[in-house]
Amino acid sequence: MHQPCPPGPAGALGLYLALTGARLTSPADLLHARLATHYVPRAALPRLRAALAAAPLPAPRRAPQAPAPAAAGASGSARGAALGAAPPCE
């Protein structure tokens, strides 16, 4: 079962940019195209850096357990699924 591609420039916008050579230059363009999720104005960067440096670090997480090995004679795609490989998007 294929998964849909994540939203972003891979669709019509990506095709438009590839064919025309147009550029996304403003923060608003990048946010609209979903190439960016946040925008911090340059004047606010020193405050953001200070806030991040002062923030407490979260407790370390335990590493996830390794998946069980695939059954003997399993096909390559079954092994990829057992290892958590994502199928290609449509």
N, C-alpha and C. Protein backbone atom coordinates (compact mmCIF):
# COMPACT_ATOMS: atom_id res chain seq x y z
N MET A 1 0.85 -1.18 0.00
CA MET A 1 0.00 0.00 0.00
C MET A 1 0.89 1.24 0.00
N HIS A 2 0.71 2.10 -0.98
CA HIS A 2 1.52 3.31 -1.07
C HIS A 2 0.92 4.42 -0.22
N GLN A 3 1.79 5.25 0.30
CA GLN A 3 1.35 6.39 1.08
C GLN A 3 1.39 7.62 0.19
N PRO A 4 0.49 8.59 0.41
CA PRO A 4 0.57 9.81 -0.38
C PRO A 4 1.83 10.59 0.00
N CYS A 5 2.33 11.36 -0.93
CA CYS A 5 3.52 12.17 -0.67
C CYS A 5 3.17 13.26 0.34
N PRO A 6 4.12 13.63 1.18
CA PRO A 6 3.84 14.71 2.13
C PRO A 6 3.62 16.02 1.38
N PRO A 7 2.86 16.92 1.98
CA PRO A 7 2.63 18.20 1.32
C PRO A 7 3.94 18.96 1.16
N GLY A 8 4.06 19.70 0.13
CA GLY A 8 5.29 20.46 -0.10
C GLY A 8 5.43 20.76 -1.57
N PRO A 9 6.63 21.14 -2.00
CA PRO A 9 6.82 21.60 -3.37
C PRO A 9 6.88 20.48 -4.40
N ALA A 10 6.66 19.23 -4.01
CA ALA A 10 6.77 18.14 -4.97
C ALA A 10 5.62 18.11 -5.95
N GLY A 11 4.54 18.77 -5.66
CA GLY A 11 3.37 18.76 -6.54
C GLY A 11 3.45 19.81 -7.62
N ALA A 12 2.34 20.47 -7.86
CA ALA A 12 2.26 21.46 -8.93
C ALA A 12 3.23 22.63 -8.71
N LEU A 13 3.43 23.03 -7.47
CA LEU A 13 4.35 24.14 -7.21
C LEU A 13 5.77 23.74 -7.58
N GLY A 14 6.16 22.52 -7.22
CA GLY A 14 7.51 22.06 -7.57
C GLY A 14 7.71 22.00 -9.07
N LEU A 15 6.69 21.53 -9.78
CA LEU A 15 6.76 21.48 -11.24
C LEU A 15 6.88 22.90 -11.81
N TYR A 16 6.08 23.82 -11.30
CA TYR A 16 6.13 25.21 -11.75
C TYR A 16 7.52 25.81 -11.53
N LEU A 17 8.07 25.60 -10.33
CA LEU A 17 9.40 26.15 -10.03
C LEU A 17 10.46 25.53 -10.93
N ALA A 18 10.35 24.23 -11.18
CA ALA A 18 11.34 23.55 -12.01
C ALA A 18 11.27 24.03 -13.47
N LEU A 19 10.06 24.23 -13.97
CA LEU A 19 9.93 24.60 -15.38
C LEU A 19 10.21 26.07 -15.65
N THR A 20 9.92 26.93 -14.68
CA THR A 20 10.08 28.37 -14.91
C THR A 20 11.37 28.94 -14.35
N GLY A 21 11.98 28.26 -13.40
CA GLY A 21 13.16 28.82 -12.76
C GLY A 21 12.82 29.89 -11.75
N ALA A 22 11.53 30.04 -11.44
CA ALA A 22 11.12 31.02 -10.43
C ALA A 22 11.73 30.64 -9.09
N ARG A 23 11.86 31.62 -8.21
CA ARG A 23 12.47 31.38 -6.91
C ARG A 23 11.52 31.79 -5.80
N LEU A 24 11.61 31.09 -4.70
CA LEU A 24 10.89 31.45 -3.48
C LEU A 24 11.88 32.25 -2.63
N THR A 25 11.64 33.53 -2.48
CA THR A 25 12.64 34.38 -1.84
C THR A 25 12.19 34.97 -0.51
N SER A 26 10.91 35.08 -0.28
CA SER A 26 10.47 35.71 0.96
C SER A 26 10.07 34.65 1.98
N PRO A 27 10.12 34.99 3.26
CA PRO A 27 9.64 34.04 4.28
C PRO A 27 8.19 33.62 4.02
N ALA A 28 7.37 34.54 3.55
CA ALA A 28 5.97 34.21 3.28
C ALA A 28 5.87 33.15 2.17
N ASP A 29 6.71 33.26 1.13
CA ASP A 29 6.73 32.26 0.06
C ASP A 29 7.10 30.88 0.61
N LEU A 30 8.13 30.83 1.43
CA LEU A 30 8.61 29.57 1.98
C LEU A 30 7.59 28.94 2.91
N LEU A 31 6.92 29.75 3.70
CA LEU A 31 5.87 29.23 4.58
C LEU A 31 4.70 28.71 3.77
N HIS A 32 4.30 29.45 2.75
CA HIS A 32 3.18 29.05 1.92
C HIS A 32 3.47 27.75 1.18
N ALA A 33 4.71 27.56 0.73
CA ALA A 33 5.11 26.36 0.01
C ALA A 33 5.39 25.19 0.95
N ARG A 34 5.29 25.43 2.23
CA ARG A 34 5.55 24.42 3.26
C ARG A 34 7.00 23.93 3.26
N LEU A 35 7.91 24.81 2.83
CA LEU A 35 9.33 24.52 2.94
C LEU A 35 9.87 25.00 4.27
N ALA A 36 9.09 25.81 4.97
CA ALA A 36 9.44 26.30 6.29
C ALA A 36 8.20 26.18 7.17
N THR A 37 8.44 25.99 8.46
CA THR A 37 7.32 25.90 9.39
C THR A 37 7.27 27.08 10.35
N HIS A 38 8.39 27.77 10.52
CA HIS A 38 8.45 28.89 11.45
C HIS A 38 9.30 30.00 10.83
N TYR A 39 9.06 31.21 11.30
CA TYR A 39 9.85 32.35 10.87
C TYR A 39 10.15 33.21 12.09
N VAL A 40 11.43 33.54 12.24
CA VAL A 40 11.86 34.42 13.33
C VAL A 40 12.53 35.62 12.69
N PRO A 41 11.99 36.82 12.91
CA PRO A 41 12.64 38.02 12.36
C PRO A 41 14.06 38.16 12.90
N ARG A 42 14.93 38.72 12.08
CA ARG A 42 16.34 38.87 12.46
C ARG A 42 16.50 39.60 13.79
N ALA A 43 15.68 40.60 14.04
CA ALA A 43 15.80 41.37 15.28
C ALA A 43 15.48 40.51 16.51
N ALA A 44 14.71 39.45 16.35
CA ALA A 44 14.33 38.61 17.48
C ALA A 44 15.30 37.45 17.72
N LEU A 45 16.28 37.24 16.84
CA LEU A 45 17.20 36.11 16.99
C LEU A 45 18.00 36.13 18.29
N PRO A 46 18.54 37.29 18.74
CA PRO A 46 19.28 37.27 20.01
C PRO A 46 18.40 36.81 21.19
N ARG A 47 17.15 37.27 21.24
CA ARG A 47 16.26 36.84 22.32
C ARG A 47 15.95 35.36 22.22
N LEU A 48 15.76 34.84 21.00
CA LEU A 48 15.49 33.42 20.81
C LEU A 48 16.68 32.59 21.26
N ARG A 49 17.89 33.00 20.87
CA ARG A 49 19.10 32.27 21.28
C ARG A 49 19.22 32.23 22.80
N ALA A 50 18.98 33.37 23.43
CA ALA A 50 19.09 33.43 24.89
C ALA A 50 18.03 32.54 25.56
N ALA A 51 16.82 32.55 25.02
CA ALA A 51 15.76 31.73 25.59
C ALA A 51 16.07 30.24 25.42
N LEU A 52 16.60 29.86 24.27
CA LEU A 52 16.95 28.46 24.05
C LEU A 52 18.11 28.03 24.94
N ALA A 53 19.09 28.90 25.13
CA ALA A 53 20.23 28.57 25.98
C ALA A 53 19.81 28.43 27.43
N ALA A 54 18.81 29.19 27.87
CA ALA A 54 18.37 29.15 29.26
C ALA A 54 17.35 28.04 29.51
N ALA A 55 16.79 27.47 28.49
CA ALA A 55 15.76 26.44 28.66
C ALA A 55 16.38 25.16 29.21
N PRO A 56 15.69 24.50 30.14
CA PRO A 56 16.23 23.23 30.66
C PRO A 56 16.15 22.15 29.59
N LEU A 57 17.13 21.25 29.62
CA LEU A 57 17.13 20.14 28.67
C LEU A 57 16.20 19.05 29.16
N PRO A 58 15.47 18.41 28.26
CA PRO A 58 14.60 17.31 28.68
C PRO A 58 15.44 16.10 29.10
N ALA A 59 14.83 15.22 29.87
CA ALA A 59 15.52 14.00 30.29
C ALA A 59 15.83 13.16 29.06
N PRO A 60 16.97 12.48 29.05
CA PRO A 60 17.31 11.66 27.88
C PRO A 60 16.29 10.54 27.70
N ARG A 61 16.04 10.19 26.45
CA ARG A 61 15.12 9.11 26.13
C ARG A 61 15.90 7.82 25.95
N ARG A 62 15.23 6.72 26.25
CA ARG A 62 15.85 5.43 25.99
C ARG A 62 15.78 5.15 24.50
N ALA A 63 16.80 4.46 24.01
CA ALA A 63 16.83 4.09 22.59
C ALA A 63 15.73 3.07 22.33
N PRO A 64 15.07 3.14 21.18
CA PRO A 64 14.03 2.15 20.87
C PRO A 64 14.65 0.77 20.71
N GLN A 65 13.86 -0.23 21.02
CA GLN A 65 14.32 -1.61 20.88
C GLN A 65 14.41 -1.97 19.39
N ALA A 66 15.39 -2.78 19.04
CA ALA A 66 15.56 -3.21 17.65
C ALA A 66 14.39 -4.12 17.27
N PRO A 67 13.91 -4.03 16.05
CA PRO A 67 12.82 -4.91 15.62
C PRO A 67 13.29 -6.36 15.55
N ALA A 68 12.35 -7.28 15.69
CA ALA A 68 12.67 -8.70 15.61
C ALA A 68 13.15 -9.01 14.19
N PRO A 69 14.10 -9.94 14.05
CA PRO A 69 14.58 -10.27 12.70
C PRO A 69 13.45 -10.87 11.86
N ALA A 70 13.52 -10.66 10.56
CA ALA A 70 12.52 -11.18 9.63
C ALA A 70 12.62 -12.69 9.57
N ALA A 71 11.51 -13.33 9.24
CA ALA A 71 11.48 -14.80 9.13
C ALA A 71 12.39 -15.25 8.00
N ALA A 72 12.97 -16.42 8.15
CA ALA A 72 13.85 -16.97 7.11
C ALA A 72 13.08 -17.13 5.81
N GLY A 73 13.70 -16.75 4.72
CA GLY A 73 13.07 -16.89 3.42
C GLY A 73 12.13 -15.75 3.08
N ALA A 74 12.11 -14.69 3.89
CA ALA A 74 11.22 -13.56 3.61
C ALA A 74 11.72 -12.81 2.40
N SER A 75 10.80 -12.25 1.66
CA SER A 75 11.19 -11.49 0.47
C SER A 75 11.85 -10.18 0.89
N GLY A 76 12.52 -9.53 -0.03
CA GLY A 76 13.19 -8.27 0.26
C GLY A 76 12.24 -7.20 0.74
N SER A 77 11.03 -7.12 0.14
CA SER A 77 10.09 -6.09 0.56
C SER A 77 9.59 -6.35 1.97
N ALA A 78 9.42 -7.63 2.34
CA ALA A 78 8.98 -7.95 3.70
C ALA A 78 10.07 -7.59 4.69
N ARG A 79 11.33 -7.84 4.31
CA ARG A 79 12.41 -7.47 5.20
C ARG A 79 12.48 -5.96 5.37
N GLY A 80 12.28 -5.22 4.28
CA GLY A 80 12.29 -3.77 4.38
C GLY A 80 11.19 -3.26 5.28
N ALA A 81 9.99 -3.88 5.18
CA ALA A 81 8.89 -3.49 6.04
C ALA A 81 9.19 -3.82 7.50
N ALA A 82 9.86 -4.97 7.72
CA ALA A 82 10.20 -5.37 9.09
C ALA A 82 11.20 -4.39 9.71
N LEU A 83 12.03 -3.80 8.88
CA LEU A 83 13.02 -2.84 9.39
C LEU A 83 12.47 -1.43 9.44
N GLY A 84 11.22 -1.25 9.10
CA GLY A 84 10.62 0.08 9.20
C GLY A 84 10.86 0.94 7.98
N ALA A 85 11.27 0.36 6.86
CA ALA A 85 11.50 1.17 5.66
C ALA A 85 10.19 1.68 5.14
N ALA A 86 10.12 2.94 4.82
CA ALA A 86 8.89 3.54 4.30
C ALA A 86 8.75 3.22 2.83
N PRO A 87 7.55 2.86 2.40
CA PRO A 87 7.35 2.62 0.97
C PRO A 87 7.41 3.92 0.20
N PRO A 88 7.70 3.88 -1.09
CA PRO A 88 7.75 5.13 -1.87
C PRO A 88 6.38 5.77 -1.92
N CYS A 89 6.36 7.09 -1.96
CA CYS A 89 5.07 7.79 -2.04
C CYS A 89 4.56 7.77 -3.48
N GLU A 90 3.28 7.99 -3.63
CA GLU A 90 2.65 7.94 -4.95
C GLU A 90 2.97 9.17 -5.75
